[in-house]
């Protein structure tokens, strides 16, 4: 059964990015680079490949549209991802209603900050009130705790900052040190591992994504706090993007001893809202409940965000930190320069006419392809690139921003951006919860515990690439 069919079973989700027929004809990756595709269609002419590549550029396909196809997923991956649906959540909830207490699990939900603006727009409320309505709905289902993942994103940002400084300082004797590519987008990571290989994978930041940091925080620290074994806890993540389902089933995020994953199920914002519609529950009818604190404090959790353009703000945080740490410069405002389009921008740090740092934000399939072509020609001058597979960033994830005709709802995205930027900004290094967790949970910065729980590795699943000569890192 095609993945597009499997993923829709049990929850009725419409997943336009796995439209196999359209993708297989237009995706440049499949027609030019995918070994499986080349083997199956070895007789295709060079001109057909060129035409397909041009069609792919014009269709503005998501990176996930290419990478979630059955040509890249193993049978095991397809099965695991197909289980990430509302039916899987319902089974966990139903199990707690049975008499056998040994089968009961504590349900914990983690909500990505980029999902909250979706509910704010749908409910016609500000983000804080919408978050409380969402929390009330989840708890009415039987979810015991609801957290937002801002703390986890803070850990990911701070670890990325430290890694960039380390890479920058060893750049003269380590050809793989720079540029550093961000690692929070699973669509981008999959592309790097499956297609680009060793040309890129050594350059990917090893800090875990916010979702997977949250998975460790829940299945390790929170379980210790609650005196629970990790397999007795069911961890649900609500995210704006379908690709997060692929990330959750990665092998390195599975504990074979306890037979449990850091994230048991990922549902998109749209899937949760669809469940509300199925139950004919409106925002006005929902009870409000404050989000829970990861450290267990009482009182209302204050919602905040990180710097950035609707995503986690890795580029801006690392840029400011590097300017201060490496050159003693305070950057109060990050100015973006648009290159090809609003999804391919760069920021530059200069002093006395000298360029000290040059970073880029590259979003969307077409811009990523442009970046890759430049890399192969040795024409990439950046020290850091923030890469996201969704044009417009995480707020535009197809799990919440897609309209009925399969396109991105621009009006909805604009409203979500306005809602998101209304949240107050807090630097992660000033977050008291993160400071406490570094000390009590991780035994300090750069400790073996910190490195084990906050970092991961990436594999090369394609033939090796050699680094182009004279690469301008």
Protein backbone atom coordinates (compact mmCIF):
# COMPACT_ATOMS: atom_id res chain seq x y z
CA UNK A 1 0.00 0.00 0.00
CA UNK A 2 1.40 3.45 -0.84
CA UNK A 3 2.45 5.57 2.09
CA UNK A 4 -0.07 8.21 1.08
CA UNK A 5 -2.84 5.68 1.72
CA UNK A 6 -1.39 4.30 4.93
CA UNK A 7 -0.97 7.68 6.55
CA UNK A 8 -4.58 8.65 6.09
CA UNK A 9 -6.03 5.55 7.68
CA UNK A 10 -7.53 6.04 11.14
CA UNK A 11 -7.57 9.81 11.19
CA UNK A 12 -8.80 10.99 7.79
CA UNK A 13 -5.84 13.36 7.46
CA UNK A 14 -5.34 14.85 4.02
CA UNK A 15 -1.62 14.82 3.35
CA UNK A 16 -0.92 16.69 0.15
CA UNK A 17 2.83 16.36 0.50
CA UNK A 18 2.62 12.63 -0.17
CA UNK A 19 0.76 12.92 -3.46
CA UNK A 20 2.78 10.19 -5.12
CA UNK A 21 1.66 10.65 -8.71
CA UNK A 22 2.50 14.36 -8.87
CA UNK A 23 5.74 13.97 -6.95
CA UNK A 24 7.17 11.12 -8.98
CA UNK A 25 6.83 13.12 -12.17
CA UNK A 26 8.09 16.47 -10.93
CA UNK A 27 10.55 15.88 -8.12
CA UNK A 28 14.09 16.77 -9.16
CA UNK A 29 15.54 14.57 -6.43
CA UNK A 30 13.80 11.48 -7.76
CA UNK A 31 14.57 12.13 -11.41
CA UNK A 32 18.18 13.24 -11.06
CA UNK A 33 19.63 11.98 -7.80
CA UNK A 34 17.63 9.15 -6.25
CA UNK A 35 19.42 5.85 -6.93
CA UNK A 36 16.19 3.87 -6.69
CA UNK A 37 14.49 6.09 -9.24
CA UNK A 38 17.45 5.98 -11.59
CA UNK A 39 17.56 2.18 -11.41
CA UNK A 40 13.86 1.80 -12.06
CA UNK A 41 13.83 4.28 -14.91
CA UNK A 42 17.28 3.78 -16.36
CA UNK A 43 16.00 4.20 -19.88
CA UNK A 44 14.70 7.71 -19.33
CA UNK A 45 16.46 10.21 -21.55
CA UNK A 46 18.54 13.17 -20.38
CA UNK A 47 15.97 15.54 -21.86
CA UNK A 48 13.16 13.95 -19.84
CA UNK A 49 15.20 14.39 -16.70
CA UNK A 50 15.80 18.02 -17.54
CA UNK A 51 12.10 18.61 -18.20
CA UNK A 52 11.13 16.96 -14.92
CA UNK A 53 13.64 19.08 -13.02
CA UNK A 54 12.21 22.24 -14.55
CA UNK A 55 8.70 21.13 -13.67
CA UNK A 56 9.85 20.51 -10.07
CA UNK A 57 11.18 24.05 -9.78
CA UNK A 58 7.93 25.49 -11.06
CA UNK A 59 5.65 23.40 -8.86
CA UNK A 60 7.16 24.66 -5.58
CA UNK A 61 7.02 21.19 -4.06
CA UNK A 62 7.88 20.81 -0.41
CA UNK A 63 11.04 18.95 0.43
CA UNK A 64 8.86 16.52 2.38
CA UNK A 65 6.91 15.84 -0.82
CA UNK A 66 10.09 14.36 -2.24
CA UNK A 67 11.42 12.61 0.82
CA UNK A 68 8.29 10.95 2.18
CA UNK A 69 7.72 8.94 -0.99
CA UNK A 70 7.81 5.17 -0.97
CA UNK A 71 11.16 5.27 -2.77
CA UNK A 72 12.90 6.66 0.33
CA UNK A 73 10.95 4.99 3.15
CA UNK A 74 11.76 1.46 4.22
CA UNK A 75 8.84 -0.87 4.90
CA UNK A 76 9.54 -0.60 8.63
CA UNK A 77 9.56 3.21 8.50
CA UNK A 78 6.35 3.27 6.49
CA UNK A 79 4.66 1.04 9.06
CA UNK A 80 5.89 3.09 12.02
CA UNK A 81 4.85 6.38 10.46
CA UNK A 82 1.45 4.98 9.49
CA UNK A 83 0.83 4.32 13.20
CA UNK A 84 1.24 8.00 14.04
CA UNK A 85 -2.45 8.80 13.92
CA UNK A 86 -5.49 9.56 16.03
CA UNK A 87 -6.36 5.88 16.28
CA UNK A 88 -3.02 5.26 18.01
CA UNK A 89 -3.85 7.98 20.55
CA UNK A 90 -7.36 6.59 21.04
CA UNK A 91 -5.93 3.15 21.83
CA UNK A 92 -3.68 4.65 24.50
CA UNK A 93 -6.61 6.54 26.01
CA UNK A 94 -8.87 3.49 25.87
CA UNK A 95 -6.25 1.34 27.58
CA UNK A 96 -6.43 3.55 30.65
CA UNK A 97 -10.17 2.91 30.96
CA UNK A 98 -9.72 -0.83 31.33
CA UNK A 99 -9.58 -2.57 34.68
CA UNK A 100 -6.04 -3.89 34.24
CA UNK A 101 -4.02 -1.19 36.04
CA UNK A 102 -0.76 -2.76 34.87
CA UNK A 103 -1.59 -1.54 31.34
CA UNK A 104 -2.28 2.05 32.36
CA UNK A 105 0.00 4.80 31.06
CA UNK A 106 0.44 8.41 32.04
CA UNK A 107 -0.35 10.53 28.99
CA UNK A 108 1.79 13.61 28.44
CA UNK A 109 1.34 16.07 25.56
CA UNK A 110 3.99 18.50 24.35
CA UNK A 111 2.84 21.36 22.13
CA UNK A 112 5.26 23.08 19.74
CA UNK A 113 5.20 26.91 20.02
CA UNK A 114 4.52 27.14 16.27
CA UNK A 115 1.30 25.14 16.72
CA UNK A 116 -0.21 27.52 19.27
CA UNK A 117 -0.77 30.41 16.78
CA UNK A 118 -2.88 28.01 14.67
CA UNK A 119 -5.27 27.44 17.55
CA UNK A 120 -5.23 31.13 18.44
CA UNK A 121 -6.45 32.00 14.94
CA UNK A 122 -9.00 29.17 14.85
CA UNK A 123 -10.41 30.12 18.27
CA UNK A 124 -10.21 33.87 17.68
CA UNK A 125 -8.21 34.29 20.89
CA UNK A 126 -4.74 35.42 21.89
CA UNK A 127 -2.14 32.69 22.19
CA UNK A 128 -2.27 32.37 25.97
CA UNK A 129 -6.05 31.92 26.04
CA UNK A 130 -5.93 29.56 23.06
CA UNK A 131 -3.22 27.46 24.74
CA UNK A 132 -5.41 27.11 27.82
CA UNK A 133 -8.37 26.03 25.67
CA UNK A 134 -6.19 23.45 23.90
CA UNK A 135 -4.88 22.25 27.24
CA UNK A 136 -8.45 21.93 28.56
CA UNK A 137 -9.45 19.88 25.51
CA UNK A 138 -6.48 17.51 25.81
CA UNK A 139 -7.12 16.97 29.50
CA UNK A 140 -10.79 16.27 28.79
CA UNK A 141 -9.58 13.39 26.60
CA UNK A 142 -7.52 11.93 29.43
CA UNK A 143 -4.13 13.59 28.97
CA UNK A 144 -2.59 14.12 32.41
CA UNK A 145 0.04 16.82 31.63
CA UNK A 146 0.37 19.38 28.84
CA UNK A 147 3.64 21.26 28.27
CA UNK A 148 4.87 23.61 25.61
CA UNK A 149 8.29 22.85 24.14
CA UNK A 150 9.90 26.29 24.50
CA UNK A 151 12.25 24.99 27.20
CA UNK A 152 13.36 22.14 24.94
CA UNK A 153 13.94 24.58 22.08
CA UNK A 154 16.05 26.66 24.45
CA UNK A 155 18.31 23.68 25.14
CA UNK A 156 18.63 23.02 21.41
CA UNK A 157 19.55 26.65 20.72
CA UNK A 158 22.14 26.82 23.51
CA UNK A 159 23.78 23.56 22.47
CA UNK A 160 23.84 24.78 18.86
CA UNK A 161 25.51 28.02 19.97
CA UNK A 162 28.24 26.15 21.82
CA UNK A 163 28.82 23.81 18.92
CA UNK A 164 29.13 26.67 16.46
CA UNK A 165 31.77 28.41 18.59
CA UNK A 166 33.71 25.15 18.81
CA UNK A 167 33.49 24.57 15.07
CA UNK A 168 34.50 28.15 14.26
CA UNK A 169 37.61 27.92 16.44
CA UNK A 170 38.81 24.72 14.79
CA UNK A 171 37.94 25.74 11.23
CA UNK A 172 41.58 26.19 10.21
CA UNK A 173 42.47 22.54 10.77
CA UNK A 174 39.08 20.81 10.34
CA UNK A 175 37.65 20.95 6.82
CA UNK A 176 34.28 19.70 8.12
CA UNK A 177 33.92 22.33 10.82
CA UNK A 178 32.19 24.98 8.70
CA UNK A 179 29.66 25.73 7.50
CA UNK A 180 27.40 24.40 10.20
CA UNK A 181 23.88 23.47 9.13
CA UNK A 182 21.01 23.52 11.62
CA UNK A 183 19.45 20.18 12.53
CA UNK A 184 15.92 20.97 13.74
CA UNK A 185 14.10 20.19 10.45
CA UNK A 186 13.59 16.45 9.84
CA UNK A 187 12.82 16.95 6.14
CA UNK A 188 16.18 18.64 5.63
CA UNK A 189 17.99 15.99 7.70
CA UNK A 190 16.44 13.20 5.66
CA UNK A 191 17.51 14.88 2.43
CA UNK A 192 21.04 15.37 3.72
CA UNK A 193 21.39 11.75 4.81
CA UNK A 194 19.65 10.07 1.88
CA UNK A 195 20.83 12.24 -1.01
CA UNK A 196 23.72 14.56 -0.16
CA UNK A 197 25.70 12.16 2.02
CA UNK A 198 29.18 13.00 3.25
CA UNK A 199 29.18 16.31 1.40
CA UNK A 200 26.86 17.64 4.11
CA UNK A 201 26.37 15.26 7.05
CA UNK A 202 29.66 16.13 8.84
CA UNK A 203 28.55 19.77 8.78
CA UNK A 204 25.18 19.20 10.48
CA UNK A 205 24.89 20.47 14.03
CA UNK A 206 24.63 17.52 16.41
CA UNK A 207 22.23 19.25 18.83
CA UNK A 208 18.93 17.39 19.00
CA UNK A 209 15.86 19.11 17.63
CA UNK A 210 13.46 20.72 20.13
CA UNK A 211 11.04 17.81 19.66
CA UNK A 212 13.63 15.19 20.54
CA UNK A 213 15.11 17.22 23.41
CA UNK A 214 11.57 17.33 24.77
CA UNK A 215 11.36 13.59 24.31
CA UNK A 216 14.44 13.08 26.48
CA UNK A 217 13.22 15.63 29.01
CA UNK A 218 9.91 13.78 29.36
CA UNK A 219 11.13 10.19 29.22
CA UNK A 220 14.16 10.83 31.44
CA UNK A 221 13.83 13.81 33.80
CA UNK A 222 10.05 13.92 34.09
CA UNK A 223 9.82 10.15 34.59
CA UNK A 224 12.39 10.40 37.39
CA UNK A 225 10.43 13.25 38.91
CA UNK A 226 7.19 11.23 38.78
CA UNK A 227 8.92 7.98 39.78
CA UNK A 228 7.74 6.33 36.60
CA UNK A 229 9.43 3.90 34.26
CA UNK A 230 9.63 5.41 30.78
CA UNK A 231 7.54 2.65 29.21
CA UNK A 232 4.68 3.62 31.54
CA UNK A 233 4.44 7.05 29.97
CA UNK A 234 2.86 7.87 26.60
CA UNK A 235 4.34 11.01 25.04
CA UNK A 236 2.31 12.84 22.41
CA UNK A 237 3.73 15.78 20.45
CA UNK A 238 1.55 18.29 18.61
CA UNK A 239 3.50 19.83 15.74
CA UNK A 240 2.83 21.97 12.64
CA UNK A 241 4.61 19.57 10.30
CA UNK A 242 4.04 15.99 9.12
CA UNK A 243 7.81 15.43 8.86
CA UNK A 244 8.01 15.36 12.65
CA UNK A 245 6.41 11.92 12.48
CA UNK A 246 9.45 10.69 10.54
CA UNK A 247 11.77 12.20 13.13
CA UNK A 248 10.01 10.47 16.02
CA UNK A 249 10.62 6.99 14.57
CA UNK A 250 14.36 7.40 14.01
CA UNK A 251 16.29 4.48 15.45
CA UNK A 252 18.48 6.58 17.76
CA UNK A 253 15.41 7.84 19.60
CA UNK A 254 14.28 4.34 20.57
CA UNK A 255 15.24 2.66 23.86
CA UNK A 256 15.55 -1.03 23.04
CA UNK A 257 15.92 -2.01 26.70
CA UNK A 258 12.68 -0.39 27.82
CA UNK A 259 11.09 -0.79 24.38
CA UNK A 260 9.92 2.79 24.29
CA UNK A 261 10.43 5.85 22.10
CA UNK A 262 11.22 9.35 23.31
CA UNK A 263 8.13 10.46 21.37
CA UNK A 264 5.39 7.85 21.04
CA UNK A 265 3.13 9.73 18.64
CA UNK A 266 3.18 12.97 16.64
CA UNK A 267 -0.07 14.58 15.57
CA UNK A 268 -0.29 17.78 13.60
CA UNK A 269 -2.19 20.86 14.71
CA UNK A 270 -4.70 20.17 11.94
CA UNK A 271 -5.27 16.61 13.12
CA UNK A 272 -6.02 17.78 16.67
CA UNK A 273 -8.34 20.50 15.36
CA UNK A 274 -10.02 17.86 13.17
CA UNK A 275 -10.64 15.79 16.30
CA UNK A 276 -12.32 18.80 17.90
CA UNK A 277 -14.54 19.14 14.84
CA UNK A 278 -15.39 15.43 14.91
CA UNK A 279 -16.52 15.84 18.49
CA UNK A 280 -18.36 19.04 17.54
CA UNK A 281 -16.53 21.02 20.21
CA UNK A 282 -16.08 24.76 19.65
CA UNK A 283 -13.53 27.03 21.26
CA UNK A 284 -16.25 28.76 23.27
CA UNK A 285 -17.38 25.45 24.78
CA UNK A 286 -13.92 24.33 25.86
CA UNK A 287 -12.86 24.71 29.47
CA UNK A 288 -9.59 26.55 30.04
CA UNK A 289 -6.73 24.88 31.86
CA UNK A 290 -3.23 26.36 32.40
CA UNK A 291 -0.26 24.59 30.87
CA UNK A 292 1.86 22.55 33.24
CA UNK A 293 5.40 23.37 34.39
CA UNK A 294 8.15 20.92 33.52
CA UNK A 295 9.67 21.49 36.97
CA UNK A 296 6.35 20.94 38.67
CA UNK A 297 5.83 24.43 40.06
CA UNK A 298 2.32 25.61 40.72
CA UNK A 299 0.86 28.63 39.00
CA UNK A 300 0.38 29.62 35.39
CA UNK A 301 3.19 28.92 32.91
CA UNK A 302 4.04 32.11 31.02
CA UNK A 303 4.20 31.60 27.28
CA UNK A 304 7.22 33.08 25.57
CA UNK A 305 9.10 32.67 22.33
CA UNK A 306 12.60 32.86 20.91
CA UNK A 307 13.87 35.32 18.34
CA UNK A 308 13.24 34.38 14.74
CA UNK A 309 10.88 34.60 11.80
CA UNK A 310 8.22 32.17 12.92
CA UNK A 311 10.60 29.31 13.63
CA UNK A 312 12.86 28.60 16.60
CA UNK A 313 15.28 31.42 15.77
CA UNK A 314 18.48 29.40 15.59
CA UNK A 315 20.13 31.78 13.15
CA UNK A 316 19.48 34.92 15.17
CA UNK A 317 20.48 33.41 18.50
CA UNK A 318 23.70 31.89 17.16
CA UNK A 319 24.51 35.09 15.24
CA UNK A 320 24.22 37.29 18.33
CA UNK A 321 26.06 34.81 20.52
CA UNK A 322 28.92 34.38 18.04
CA UNK A 323 29.27 38.14 17.55
CA UNK A 324 29.69 38.60 21.29
CA UNK A 325 31.74 35.48 22.03
CA UNK A 326 34.12 35.70 19.08
CA UNK A 327 34.40 39.44 18.41
CA UNK A 328 33.07 41.19 21.52
CA UNK A 329 30.28 42.87 19.55
CA UNK A 330 26.72 43.36 20.78
CA UNK A 331 24.15 42.93 18.02
CA UNK A 332 20.85 44.56 18.97
CA UNK A 333 19.06 44.07 15.66
CA UNK A 334 19.60 41.39 13.04
CA UNK A 335 19.10 42.78 9.52
CA UNK A 336 18.18 40.32 6.78
CA UNK A 337 19.18 40.85 3.16
CA UNK A 338 16.85 39.15 0.69
CA UNK A 339 18.66 37.35 -2.11
CA UNK A 340 16.58 35.13 -4.43
CA UNK A 341 13.34 35.56 -2.47
CA UNK A 342 12.08 36.05 1.10
CA UNK A 343 12.99 32.42 1.84
CA UNK A 344 16.64 32.86 0.88
CA UNK A 345 18.14 35.58 3.03
CA UNK A 346 21.48 36.32 4.63
CA UNK A 347 22.79 38.32 7.58
CA UNK A 348 26.29 39.75 7.81
CA UNK A 349 28.44 41.01 10.67
CA UNK A 350 30.95 43.65 9.60
CA UNK A 351 33.57 45.75 11.37
CA UNK A 352 35.65 48.45 9.70
CA UNK A 353 34.67 47.18 6.27
CA UNK A 354 35.66 43.60 7.07
CA UNK A 355 33.09 40.79 6.97
CA UNK A 356 33.37 38.82 10.19
CA UNK A 357 30.34 36.53 9.92
CA UNK A 358 27.97 35.66 7.11
CA UNK A 359 24.93 33.47 7.85
CA UNK A 360 22.01 32.44 5.64
CA UNK A 361 18.40 31.35 6.14
CA UNK A 362 17.33 28.93 3.41
CA UNK A 363 13.73 27.71 3.43
CA UNK A 364 11.85 25.54 0.95
CA UNK A 365 12.76 22.88 -1.62
CA UNK A 366 13.77 25.18 -4.47
CA UNK A 367 16.08 27.29 -2.31
CA UNK A 368 17.66 24.21 -0.76
CA UNK A 369 18.34 22.91 -4.25
CA UNK A 370 19.98 26.24 -5.11
CA UNK A 371 22.15 26.00 -1.99
CA UNK A 372 23.18 22.45 -2.87
CA UNK A 373 24.13 23.40 -6.43
CA UNK A 374 26.29 26.23 -5.09
CA UNK A 375 27.93 23.88 -2.59
CA UNK A 376 28.91 21.48 -5.33
CA UNK A 377 30.54 24.34 -7.19
CA UNK A 378 32.32 25.60 -4.06
CA UNK A 379 30.42 28.88 -3.97
CA UNK A 380 28.98 28.96 -0.45
CA UNK A 381 30.56 31.66 1.75
CA UNK A 382 28.44 31.09 4.86
CA UNK A 383 29.62 29.89 8.27
CA UNK A 384 26.09 28.87 9.29
CA UNK A 385 22.94 28.06 7.33
CA UNK A 386 19.53 27.69 8.96
CA UNK A 387 17.73 25.19 6.73
CA UNK A 388 13.99 24.47 6.85
CA UNK A 389 12.09 22.41 4.29
CA UNK A 390 8.85 24.41 4.50
CA UNK A 391 8.74 27.72 2.60
CA UNK A 392 8.02 30.43 5.15
CA UNK A 393 9.34 28.35 8.05
CA UNK A 394 7.63 26.17 10.63
CA UNK A 395 4.45 28.24 10.89
CA UNK A 396 3.79 27.29 7.26
CA UNK A 397 3.97 23.56 7.99
CA UNK A 398 1.45 21.63 5.89
CA UNK A 399 0.10 20.06 9.05
CA UNK A 400 -1.65 23.32 9.84
CA UNK A 401 -1.30 25.82 6.99
CA UNK A 402 -2.72 23.88 4.08
CA UNK A 403 -6.01 25.01 2.56
CA UNK A 404 -8.65 22.74 1.03
CA UNK A 405 -7.15 23.08 -2.45
CA UNK A 406 -3.79 21.75 -1.23
CA UNK A 407 -2.02 25.10 -1.24
CA UNK A 408 -0.63 27.07 1.68
CA UNK A 409 -3.30 29.37 3.15
CA UNK A 410 -1.41 32.67 3.00
CA UNK A 411 -4.04 34.55 4.99
CA UNK A 412 -3.90 31.98 7.78
CA UNK A 413 -0.10 32.07 7.83
CA UNK A 414 -0.08 35.85 8.08
CA UNK A 415 -2.51 35.73 11.01
CA UNK A 416 -0.37 33.08 12.70
CA UNK A 417 2.76 35.19 12.22
CA UNK A 418 1.05 38.15 13.86
CA UNK A 419 -0.09 36.01 16.77
CA UNK A 420 3.35 34.42 17.20
CA UNK A 421 5.24 37.72 17.25
CA UNK A 422 2.89 39.00 19.95
CA UNK A 423 4.56 36.68 22.47
CA UNK A 424 7.34 38.18 24.61
CA UNK A 425 10.91 37.12 23.76
CA UNK A 426 13.22 35.55 26.32
CA UNK A 427 16.81 34.51 25.74
CA UNK A 428 17.14 30.82 26.57
CA UNK A 429 20.25 31.45 28.68
CA UNK A 430 18.09 33.61 30.97
CA UNK A 431 15.34 31.02 31.38
CA UNK A 432 15.45 29.88 35.05
CA UNK A 433 13.98 26.47 34.19
CA UNK A 434 16.82 25.78 31.74
CA UNK A 435 19.42 26.98 34.24
CA UNK A 436 17.99 24.66 36.89
CA UNK A 437 17.75 21.68 34.54
CA UNK A 438 21.35 22.08 33.36
CA UNK A 439 22.44 21.87 36.99
CA UNK A 440 20.07 19.25 38.41
CA UNK A 441 19.28 17.05 35.42
CA UNK A 442 22.38 17.29 33.24
CA UNK A 443 25.10 17.88 35.87
CA UNK A 444 26.29 21.02 34.11
CA UNK A 445 27.24 22.17 30.64
CA UNK A 446 29.42 19.90 28.49
CA UNK A 447 28.95 17.04 30.93
CA UNK A 448 28.72 13.43 29.68
CA UNK A 449 25.04 13.54 30.63
CA UNK A 450 24.47 16.71 28.62
CA UNK A 451 26.28 15.37 25.56
CA UNK A 452 24.39 12.07 25.69
CA UNK A 453 20.90 13.50 26.17
CA UNK A 454 21.06 16.68 24.09
CA UNK A 455 23.06 15.52 21.07
CA UNK A 456 22.75 12.91 18.34
CA UNK A 457 24.51 11.82 15.17
CA UNK A 458 23.71 11.60 11.47
CA UNK A 459 24.42 8.85 9.00
CA UNK A 460 25.34 8.82 5.34
CA UNK A 461 22.91 6.54 3.53
CA UNK A 462 24.07 7.27 0.01
CA UNK A 463 27.33 7.07 -1.91
CA UNK A 464 30.07 9.32 -0.61
CA UNK A 465 30.54 12.78 -2.05
CA UNK A 466 33.85 14.52 -2.21
CA UNK A 467 34.12 18.10 -1.06
CA UNK A 468 34.43 20.47 -4.04
CA UNK A 469 37.84 22.14 -4.39
CA UNK A 470 38.24 25.64 -2.98
CA UNK A 471 35.01 25.49 -1.00
CA UNK A 472 34.55 28.97 0.44
CA UNK A 473 33.41 28.01 3.93
